[in-house]
């Protein structure tokens, strides 16, 4: 599997991307972070994990 992080530009704004190849298909995911978010990434991950455990 090929997993690399790169920077590409759209409208002269850096856009972090991750490229992942699974079989013969290559997925390119562009990452966007909100400047107005009210929770940190750590808080968001903890919240998602709590919700997932609660569903089990």
PDB file of N, CA and C in Angstrom:
ATOM      1  N   UNK A   1       0.831  -1.175   0.000  1.00  0.00           N
ATOM      2  CA  UNK A   1       0.000   0.000   0.000  1.00  0.00           C
ATOM      3  C   UNK A   1       0.874   1.236   0.000  1.00  0.00           C
ATOM      4  N   UNK A   2       0.479   2.184  -0.772  1.00  0.00           N
ATOM      5  CA  UNK A   2       1.228   3.423  -0.886  1.00  0.00           C
ATOM      6  C   UNK A   2       0.456   4.516  -0.164  1.00  0.00           C
ATOM      7  N   UNK A   3       1.004   5.049   0.918  1.00  0.00           N
ATOM      8  CA  UNK A   3       0.300   6.053   1.710  1.00  0.00           C
ATOM      9  C   UNK A   3       1.234   7.237   1.889  1.00  0.00           C
ATOM     10  N   UNK A   4       0.958   8.343   1.198  1.00  0.00           N
ATOM     11  CA  UNK A   4       1.839   9.493   1.291  1.00  0.00           C
ATOM     12  C   UNK A   4       1.035  10.755   1.531  1.00  0.00           C
ATOM     13  N   UNK A   5       1.603  11.668   2.267  1.00  0.00           N
ATOM     14  CA  UNK A   5       0.961  12.969   2.493  1.00  0.00           C
ATOM     15  C   UNK A   5       1.706  13.995   1.656  1.00  0.00           C
ATOM     16  N   UNK A   6       0.953  14.809   0.937  1.00  0.00           N
ATOM     17  CA  UNK A   6       1.562  15.831   0.092  1.00  0.00           C
ATOM     18  C   UNK A   6       0.775  17.114   0.225  1.00  0.00           C
ATOM     19  N   UNK A   7       1.303  18.179  -0.296  1.00  0.00           N
ATOM     20  CA  UNK A   7       0.580  19.449  -0.361  1.00  0.00           C
ATOM     21  C   UNK A   7       0.301  19.768  -1.816  1.00  0.00           C
ATOM     22  N   UNK A   8      -0.945  20.057  -2.126  1.00  0.00           N
ATOM     23  CA  UNK A   8      -1.274  20.542  -3.454  1.00  0.00           C
ATOM     24  C   UNK A   8      -1.928  21.900  -3.282  1.00  0.00           C
ATOM     25  N   UNK A   9      -1.989  22.656  -4.338  1.00  0.00           N
ATOM     26  CA  UNK A   9      -2.565  23.988  -4.206  1.00  0.00           C
ATOM     27  C   UNK A   9      -3.810  24.111  -5.051  1.00  0.00           C
ATOM     28  N   UNK A  10      -4.824  24.718  -4.475  1.00  0.00           N
ATOM     29  CA  UNK A  10      -6.046  25.065  -5.165  1.00  0.00           C
ATOM     30  C   UNK A  10      -6.314  26.516  -4.826  1.00  0.00           C
ATOM     31  N   UNK A  11      -6.395  27.353  -5.826  1.00  0.00           N
ATOM     32  CA  UNK A  11      -6.572  28.794  -5.605  1.00  0.00           C
ATOM     33  C   UNK A  11      -5.450  29.352  -4.724  1.00  0.00           C
ATOM     34  N   UNK A  12      -4.238  28.872  -4.910  1.00  0.00           N
ATOM     35  CA  UNK A  12      -3.054  29.308  -4.165  1.00  0.00           C
ATOM     36  C   UNK A  12      -3.151  29.063  -2.664  1.00  0.00           C
ATOM     37  N   UNK A  13      -4.050  28.190  -2.227  1.00  0.00           N
ATOM     38  CA  UNK A  13      -4.178  27.836  -0.827  1.00  0.00           C
ATOM     39  C   UNK A  13      -3.676  26.406  -0.642  1.00  0.00           C
ATOM     40  N   UNK A  14      -2.721  26.196   0.278  1.00  0.00           N
ATOM     41  CA  UNK A  14      -2.234  24.822   0.479  1.00  0.00           C
ATOM     42  C   UNK A  14      -3.368  23.896   0.930  1.00  0.00           C
ATOM     43  N   UNK A  15      -3.412  22.728   0.354  1.00  0.00           N
ATOM     44  CA  UNK A  15      -4.434  21.749   0.697  1.00  0.00           C
ATOM     45  C   UNK A  15      -3.760  20.412   0.961  1.00  0.00           C
ATOM     46  N   UNK A  16      -3.631  20.017   2.235  1.00  0.00           N
ATOM     47  CA  UNK A  16      -3.006  18.723   2.515  1.00  0.00           C
ATOM     48  C   UNK A  16      -3.829  17.592   1.905  1.00  0.00           C
ATOM     49  N   UNK A  17      -3.148  16.637   1.312  1.00  0.00           N
ATOM     50  CA  UNK A  17      -3.832  15.485   0.721  1.00  0.00           C
ATOM     51  C   UNK A  17      -3.152  14.201   1.145  1.00  0.00           C
ATOM     52  N   UNK A  18      -3.914  13.133   1.122  1.00  0.00           N
ATOM     53  CA  UNK A  18      -3.395  11.794   1.380  1.00  0.00           C
ATOM     54  C   UNK A  18      -3.752  10.945   0.174  1.00  0.00           C
ATOM     55  N   UNK A  19      -2.780  10.233  -0.339  1.00  0.00           N
ATOM     56  CA  UNK A  19      -2.994   9.355  -1.489  1.00  0.00           C
ATOM     57  C   UNK A  19      -2.835   7.917  -1.004  1.00  0.00           C
ATOM     58  N   UNK A  20      -3.865   7.091  -1.261  1.00  0.00           N
ATOM     59  CA  UNK A  20      -3.868   5.704  -0.796  1.00  0.00           C
ATOM     60  C   UNK A  20      -4.286   4.810  -1.948  1.00  0.00           C
ATOM     61  N   UNK A  21      -3.494   3.793  -2.213  1.00  0.00           N
ATOM     62  CA  UNK A  21      -3.822   2.862  -3.279  1.00  0.00           C
ATOM     63  C   UNK A  21      -4.284   1.551  -2.655  1.00  0.00           C
ATOM     64  N   UNK A  22      -5.480   1.114  -3.046  1.00  0.00           N
ATOM     65  CA  UNK A  22      -6.034  -0.160  -2.599  1.00  0.00           C
ATOM     66  C   UNK A  22      -6.350  -0.951  -3.851  1.00  0.00           C
ATOM     67  N   UNK A  23      -5.600  -2.013  -4.048  1.00  0.00           N
ATOM     68  CA  UNK A  23      -5.756  -2.786  -5.281  1.00  0.00           C
ATOM     69  C   UNK A  23      -5.353  -1.930  -6.464  1.00  0.00           C
ATOM     70  N   UNK A  24      -6.219  -1.838  -7.460  1.00  0.00           N
ATOM     71  CA  UNK A  24      -5.940  -1.036  -8.646  1.00  0.00           C
ATOM     72  C   UNK A  24      -6.551   0.358  -8.575  1.00  0.00           C
ATOM     73  N   UNK A  25      -7.144   0.686  -7.430  1.00  0.00           N
ATOM     74  CA  UNK A  25      -7.799   1.982  -7.276  1.00  0.00           C
ATOM     75  C   UNK A  25      -6.968   2.882  -6.384  1.00  0.00           C
ATOM     76  N   UNK A  26      -6.739   4.120  -6.817  1.00  0.00           N
ATOM     77  CA  UNK A  26      -6.020   5.111  -6.025  1.00  0.00           C
ATOM     78  C   UNK A  26      -7.016   6.144  -5.530  1.00  0.00           C
ATOM     79  N   UNK A  27      -7.019   6.352  -4.221  1.00  0.00           N
ATOM     80  CA  UNK A  27      -7.901   7.341  -3.593  1.00  0.00           C
ATOM     81  C   UNK A  27      -7.068   8.550  -3.201  1.00  0.00           C
ATOM     82  N   UNK A  28      -7.547   9.734  -3.508  1.00  0.00           N
ATOM     83  CA  UNK A  28      -6.889  10.974  -3.104  1.00  0.00           C
ATOM     84  C   UNK A  28      -7.878  11.723  -2.216  1.00  0.00           C
ATOM     85  N   UNK A  29      -7.478  11.952  -0.966  1.00  0.00           N
ATOM     86  CA  UNK A  29      -8.351  12.615  -0.002  1.00  0.00           C
ATOM     87  C   UNK A  29      -7.746  13.960   0.342  1.00  0.00           C
ATOM     88  N   UNK A  30      -8.507  15.016   0.156  1.00  0.00           N
ATOM     89  CA  UNK A  30      -8.062  16.360   0.524  1.00  0.00           C
ATOM     90  C   UNK A  30      -8.573  16.661   1.918  1.00  0.00           C
ATOM     91  N   UNK A  31      -7.724  17.232   2.753  1.00  0.00           N
ATOM     92  CA  UNK A  31      -8.043  17.490   4.147  1.00  0.00           C
ATOM     93  C   UNK A  31      -8.377  18.968   4.326  1.00  0.00           C
ATOM     94  N   UNK A  32      -9.457  19.237   5.049  1.00  0.00           N
ATOM     95  CA  UNK A  32      -9.874  20.605   5.312  1.00  0.00           C
ATOM     96  C   UNK A  32     -10.117  20.769   6.805  1.00  0.00           C
ATOM     97  N   UNK A  33      -9.563  21.807   7.395  1.00  0.00           N
ATOM     98  CA  UNK A  33      -9.766  22.103   8.804  1.00  0.00           C
ATOM     99  C   UNK A  33     -10.496  23.432   8.918  1.00  0.00           C
ATOM    100  N   UNK A  34     -11.581  23.428   9.670  1.00  0.00           N
ATOM    101  CA  UNK A  34     -12.377  24.641   9.854  1.00  0.00           C
ATOM    102  C   UNK A  34     -11.657  25.612  10.774  1.00  0.00           C
ATOM    103  N   UNK A  35     -11.599  26.864  10.378  1.00  0.00           N
ATOM    104  CA  UNK A  35     -10.991  27.902  11.212  1.00  0.00           C
ATOM    105  C   UNK A  35     -11.922  28.322  12.341  1.00  0.00           C
ATOM    106  N   UNK A  36     -13.207  27.958  12.254  1.00  0.00           N
ATOM    107  CA  UNK A  36     -14.185  28.368  13.264  1.00  0.00           C
ATOM    108  C   UNK A  36     -14.642  27.211  14.148  1.00  0.00           C
ATOM    109  N   UNK A  37     -13.935  26.088  14.101  1.00  0.00           N
ATOM    110  CA  UNK A  37     -14.315  24.922  14.900  1.00  0.00           C
ATOM    111  C   UNK A  37     -14.274  25.254  16.383  1.00  0.00           C
ATOM    112  N   UNK A  38     -15.203  24.670  17.119  1.00  0.00           N
ATOM    113  CA  UNK A  38     -15.289  24.936  18.548  1.00  0.00           C
ATOM    114  C   UNK A  38     -14.688  23.814  19.387  1.00  0.00           C
ATOM    115  N   UNK A  39     -14.252  22.726  18.755  1.00  0.00           N
ATOM    116  CA  UNK A  39     -13.604  21.640  19.481  1.00  0.00           C
ATOM    117  C   UNK A  39     -12.293  21.287  18.785  1.00  0.00           C
ATOM    118  N   UNK A  40     -11.335  20.815  19.577  1.00  0.00           N
ATOM    119  CA  UNK A  40     -10.042  20.431  19.018  1.00  0.00           C
ATOM    120  C   UNK A  40     -10.169  19.072  18.336  1.00  0.00           C
ATOM    121  N   UNK A  41      -9.172  18.713  17.557  1.00  0.00           N
ATOM    122  CA  UNK A  41      -9.171  17.408  16.904  1.00  0.00           C
ATOM    123  C   UNK A  41      -9.180  16.304  17.958  1.00  0.00           C
ATOM    124  N   UNK A  42      -8.431  16.508  19.038  1.00  0.00           N
ATOM    125  CA  UNK A  42      -8.398  15.517  20.122  1.00  0.00           C
ATOM    126  C   UNK A  42      -9.789  15.334  20.726  1.00  0.00           C
ATOM    127  N   UNK A  43     -10.483  16.444  20.997  1.00  0.00           N
ATOM    128  CA  UNK A  43     -11.840  16.370  21.552  1.00  0.00           C
ATOM    129  C   UNK A  43     -12.787  15.657  20.591  1.00  0.00           C
ATOM    130  N   UNK A  44     -12.642  15.928  19.312  1.00  0.00           N
ATOM    131  CA  UNK A  44     -13.517  15.314  18.306  1.00  0.00           C
ATOM    132  C   UNK A  44     -13.301  13.804  18.258  1.00  0.00           C
ATOM    133  N   UNK A  45     -12.044  13.374  18.274  1.00  0.00           N
ATOM    134  CA  UNK A  45     -11.745  11.937  18.230  1.00  0.00           C
ATOM    135  C   UNK A  45     -12.296  11.254  19.471  1.00  0.00           C
ATOM    136  N   UNK A  46     -12.110  11.869  20.645  1.00  0.00           N
ATOM    137  CA  UNK A  46     -12.644  11.294  21.879  1.00  0.00           C
ATOM    138  C   UNK A  46     -14.164  11.173  21.811  1.00  0.00           C
ATOM    139  N   UNK A  47     -14.833  12.217  21.293  1.00  0.00           N
ATOM    140  CA  UNK A  47     -16.285  12.195  21.169  1.00  0.00           C
ATOM    141  C   UNK A  47     -16.738  11.078  20.238  1.00  0.00           C
ATOM    142  N   UNK A  48     -16.059  10.931  19.098  1.00  0.00           N
ATOM    143  CA  UNK A  48     -16.413   9.879  18.144  1.00  0.00           C
ATOM    144  C   UNK A  48     -16.229   8.494  18.757  1.00  0.00           C
ATOM    145  N   UNK A  49     -15.140   8.314  19.511  1.00  0.00           N
ATOM    146  CA  UNK A  49     -14.896   7.024  20.159  1.00  0.00           C
ATOM    147  C   UNK A  49     -15.955   6.732  21.217  1.00  0.00           C
ATOM    148  N   UNK A  50     -16.313   7.735  22.021  1.00  0.00           N
ATOM    149  CA  UNK A  50     -17.352   7.540  23.036  1.00  0.00           C
ATOM    150  C   UNK A  50     -18.679   7.128  22.385  1.00  0.00           C
ATOM    151  N   UNK A  51     -19.045   7.799  21.297  1.00  0.00           N
ATOM    152  CA  UNK A  51     -20.289   7.472  20.616  1.00  0.00           C
ATOM    153  C   UNK A  51     -20.249   6.058  20.033  1.00  0.00           C
ATOM    154  N   UNK A  52     -19.116   5.665  19.498  1.00  0.00           N
ATOM    155  CA  UNK A  52     -18.975   4.333  18.923  1.00  0.00           C
ATOM    156  C   UNK A  52     -19.096   3.262  20.013  1.00  0.00           C
ATOM    157  N   UNK A  53     -18.473   3.488  21.157  1.00  0.00           N
ATOM    158  CA  UNK A  53     -18.556   2.530  22.269  1.00  0.00           C
ATOM    159  C   UNK A  53     -19.996   2.455  22.773  1.00  0.00           C
ATOM    160  N   UNK A  54     -20.667   3.591  22.851  1.00  0.00           N
ATOM    161  CA  UNK A  54     -22.054   3.617  23.328  1.00  0.00           C
ATOM    162  C   UNK A  54     -22.966   2.804  22.407  1.00  0.00           C
ATOM    163  N   UNK A  55     -22.673   2.801  21.110  1.00  0.00           N
ATOM    164  CA  UNK A  55     -23.497   2.032  20.153  1.00  0.00           C
ATOM    165  C   UNK A  55     -23.314   0.532  20.322  1.00  0.00           C
ATOM    166  N   UNK A  56     -22.174   0.119  20.816  1.00  0.00           N
ATOM    167  CA  UNK A  56     -21.875  -1.314  20.967  1.00  0.00           C
ATOM    168  C   UNK A  56     -22.654  -1.882  22.075  1.00  0.00           C
TER     169      UNK A  56
END
